């Protein structure tokens, strides 16, 4: 009987900790707390909600709302280095960097507001780790990324690319 009481207490304590963690995540953390835990590589305004800011960090993808609290959007804890939103589709983001387990991500895309990310392409001689990444507002199928001293360009939304050593023309 004592074993079951101990097991019950342990399970109760574990459930309490898990629930506290869930409510903390829903509530979010302050920007100061986030700054102490990680650093920010990229940011963008939410095209569908001007009170929300997207943060691509060393430890995941976050949103900051009008309450100034940061909430992790994705379960992924990638090191999102290069980050850029789609210029017209508020739910689509492009990124690159490193998975939490190490290595390089290549070009990854989220089409559900940053919840899930999947590799669109490893990049030229990849997988690459774009530290800088941008998408053309005039033609969202054109993406540029910088990796290992070279620019890479894609004209099909990041599926295929080629290396370039010159800057894009206007």
Protein backbone atom coordinates (compact mmCIF):
# COMPACT_ATOMS: atom_id res chain seq x y z
CA UNK A 1 0.00 0.00 0.00
CA UNK A 2 2.85 2.38 0.84
CA UNK A 3 4.28 1.79 -2.70
CA UNK A 4 1.00 2.89 -4.30
CA UNK A 5 0.82 6.00 -2.10
CA UNK A 6 4.37 6.95 -3.08
CA UNK A 7 3.66 6.29 -6.75
CA UNK A 8 0.46 8.33 -6.54
CA UNK A 9 2.31 11.26 -4.92
CA UNK A 10 5.04 11.08 -7.54
CA UNK A 11 2.52 11.04 -10.39
CA UNK A 12 0.60 13.91 -8.83
CA UNK A 13 3.78 15.96 -8.49
CA UNK A 14 4.76 15.19 -12.10
CA UNK A 15 1.30 16.14 -13.38
CA UNK A 16 1.45 19.40 -11.43
CA UNK A 17 4.83 20.26 -12.95
CA UNK A 18 3.63 19.41 -16.46
CA UNK A 19 0.48 21.48 -16.07
CA UNK A 20 2.48 24.39 -14.67
CA UNK A 21 4.78 24.17 -17.70
CA UNK A 22 1.81 24.13 -20.09
CA UNK A 23 0.17 27.15 -18.51
CA UNK A 24 3.51 28.99 -18.51
CA UNK A 25 3.92 28.33 -22.25
CA UNK A 26 0.38 29.54 -22.96
CA UNK A 27 1.04 32.63 -20.87
CA UNK A 28 4.42 33.13 -22.46
CA UNK A 29 7.59 34.62 -21.11
CA UNK A 30 8.76 38.21 -21.06
CA UNK A 31 11.12 39.47 -23.71
CA UNK A 32 13.73 39.91 -21.00
CA UNK A 33 13.39 36.24 -20.01
CA UNK A 34 13.64 35.22 -23.66
CA UNK A 35 16.72 37.40 -24.12
CA UNK A 36 18.35 35.64 -21.15
CA UNK A 37 17.62 32.22 -22.66
CA UNK A 38 18.56 32.78 -26.30
CA UNK A 39 19.33 35.39 -28.93
CA UNK A 40 17.33 36.60 -31.91
CA UNK A 41 18.54 36.07 -35.47
CA UNK A 42 15.54 37.42 -37.39
CA UNK A 43 12.32 39.30 -36.89
CA UNK A 44 9.32 40.39 -38.92
CA UNK A 45 5.89 41.89 -38.38
CA UNK A 46 2.93 39.57 -38.79
CA UNK A 47 1.26 40.57 -42.06
CA UNK A 48 -2.17 39.63 -40.68
CA UNK A 49 -1.80 41.20 -37.20
CA UNK A 50 0.32 44.33 -36.81
CA UNK A 51 0.38 43.82 -33.03
CA UNK A 52 2.38 40.60 -33.44
CA UNK A 53 6.10 40.27 -34.09
CA UNK A 54 7.75 37.02 -35.27
CA UNK A 55 11.12 36.11 -33.75
CA UNK A 56 13.50 33.55 -35.26
CA UNK A 57 15.84 32.62 -32.43
CA UNK A 58 18.75 30.37 -31.62
CA UNK A 59 16.29 28.05 -29.83
CA UNK A 60 13.06 28.11 -31.84
CA UNK A 61 10.42 30.29 -33.44
CA UNK A 62 8.38 32.71 -31.29
CA UNK A 63 5.61 35.27 -31.55
CA UNK A 64 5.33 38.36 -29.39
CA UNK A 65 1.86 39.84 -29.02
CA UNK A 66 0.46 43.13 -27.79
CA UNK A 67 0.98 41.88 -24.22
CA UNK A 68 4.76 41.82 -24.93
CA UNK A 69 4.96 38.14 -23.97
CA UNK A 70 6.91 35.71 -26.16
CA UNK A 71 5.30 32.37 -26.98
CA UNK A 72 7.05 29.57 -28.80
CA UNK A 73 5.03 28.76 -31.92
CA UNK A 74 6.82 25.65 -33.12
CA UNK A 75 7.72 22.51 -31.23
CA UNK A 76 10.96 22.61 -33.24
CA UNK A 77 13.87 24.12 -31.34
CA UNK A 78 15.98 24.75 -34.41
CA UNK A 79 18.55 27.51 -34.53
CA UNK A 80 16.74 29.62 -37.11
CA UNK A 81 19.55 31.70 -38.63
CA UNK A 82 18.24 33.10 -41.92
CA UNK A 83 14.55 34.00 -41.72
CA UNK A 84 12.12 35.83 -43.97
CA UNK A 85 8.35 35.91 -44.30
CA UNK A 86 6.56 35.44 -47.62
CA UNK A 87 5.68 38.93 -48.91
CA UNK A 88 1.99 38.14 -49.54
CA UNK A 89 1.06 34.98 -47.60
CA UNK A 90 0.95 35.70 -43.86
CA UNK A 91 1.13 31.97 -43.01
CA UNK A 92 4.30 31.20 -45.00
CA UNK A 93 7.87 31.64 -43.77
CA UNK A 94 11.27 30.66 -45.12
CA UNK A 95 14.24 29.92 -42.88
CA UNK A 96 17.56 28.14 -42.62
CA UNK A 97 20.01 27.35 -39.86
CA UNK A 98 20.76 24.33 -37.72
CA UNK A 99 18.57 21.60 -36.29
CA UNK A 100 18.82 21.21 -32.51
CA UNK A 101 20.73 17.93 -33.04
CA UNK A 102 23.41 19.64 -35.18
CA UNK A 103 24.18 19.96 -38.88
CA UNK A 104 22.45 22.29 -41.34
CA UNK A 105 18.76 22.61 -42.21
CA UNK A 106 19.00 23.65 -45.85
CA UNK A 107 16.06 25.84 -46.85
CA UNK A 108 13.00 25.11 -44.69
CA UNK A 109 9.48 26.43 -45.11
CA UNK A 110 6.44 26.72 -42.90
CA UNK A 111 3.01 27.18 -44.49
CA UNK A 112 1.04 27.09 -41.23
CA UNK A 113 2.25 30.20 -39.43
CA UNK A 114 5.46 28.66 -38.08
CA UNK A 115 4.02 25.60 -36.33
CA UNK A 116 5.63 22.99 -38.59
CA UNK A 117 8.74 23.30 -40.73
CA UNK A 118 9.94 21.05 -43.52
CA UNK A 119 12.92 21.11 -45.80
CA UNK A 120 12.11 22.53 -49.21
CA UNK A 121 15.65 22.06 -50.51
CA UNK A 122 19.11 21.24 -49.20
CA UNK A 123 20.49 24.13 -51.29
CA UNK A 124 23.45 23.98 -53.66
CA UNK A 125 26.10 21.60 -52.26
CA UNK A 126 23.95 21.37 -49.12
CA UNK A 127 22.50 21.06 -46.76
CA UNK A 128 23.26 24.76 -46.42
CA UNK A 129 22.95 27.14 -43.50
CA UNK A 130 21.81 30.49 -44.86
CA UNK A 131 22.64 33.17 -42.32
CA UNK A 132 20.98 35.76 -44.56
CA UNK A 133 17.85 35.00 -46.54
CA UNK A 134 15.38 37.13 -48.47
CA UNK A 135 12.44 36.66 -50.80
CA UNK A 136 11.52 39.08 -53.59
CA UNK A 137 8.41 41.13 -52.95
CA UNK A 138 7.98 41.58 -56.70
CA UNK A 139 8.20 37.81 -57.37
CA UNK A 140 7.90 35.57 -54.28
CA UNK A 141 9.33 32.65 -56.27
CA UNK A 142 12.74 34.37 -56.20
CA UNK A 143 14.76 33.72 -53.05
CA UNK A 144 18.35 34.66 -52.24
CA UNK A 145 20.43 33.11 -49.48
CA UNK A 146 24.06 33.60 -48.41
CA UNK A 147 26.13 30.53 -47.54
CA UNK A 148 29.90 29.96 -47.39
CA UNK A 149 30.72 33.26 -49.06
CA UNK A 150 28.39 32.70 -52.02
CA UNK A 151 24.93 33.90 -52.88
CA UNK A 152 22.45 31.24 -53.94
CA UNK A 153 19.35 32.11 -55.92
CA UNK A 154 16.19 30.16 -56.61
CA UNK A 155 13.53 31.13 -59.14
CA UNK A 156 11.03 28.43 -58.15
CA UNK A 157 10.24 29.18 -54.51
CA UNK A 158 13.37 27.53 -53.15
CA UNK A 159 13.01 24.10 -54.74
CA UNK A 160 16.05 24.47 -57.01
CA UNK A 161 18.88 26.94 -56.81
CA UNK A 162 22.23 27.88 -58.19
CA UNK A 163 25.28 29.66 -56.81
CA UNK A 164 26.06 33.18 -57.89
CA UNK A 165 28.93 35.45 -57.07
CA UNK A 166 27.25 38.67 -58.08
CA UNK A 167 24.47 40.66 -56.46
CA UNK A 168 20.97 40.55 -57.92
CA UNK A 169 20.02 43.19 -60.46
CA UNK A 170 17.24 45.65 -59.73
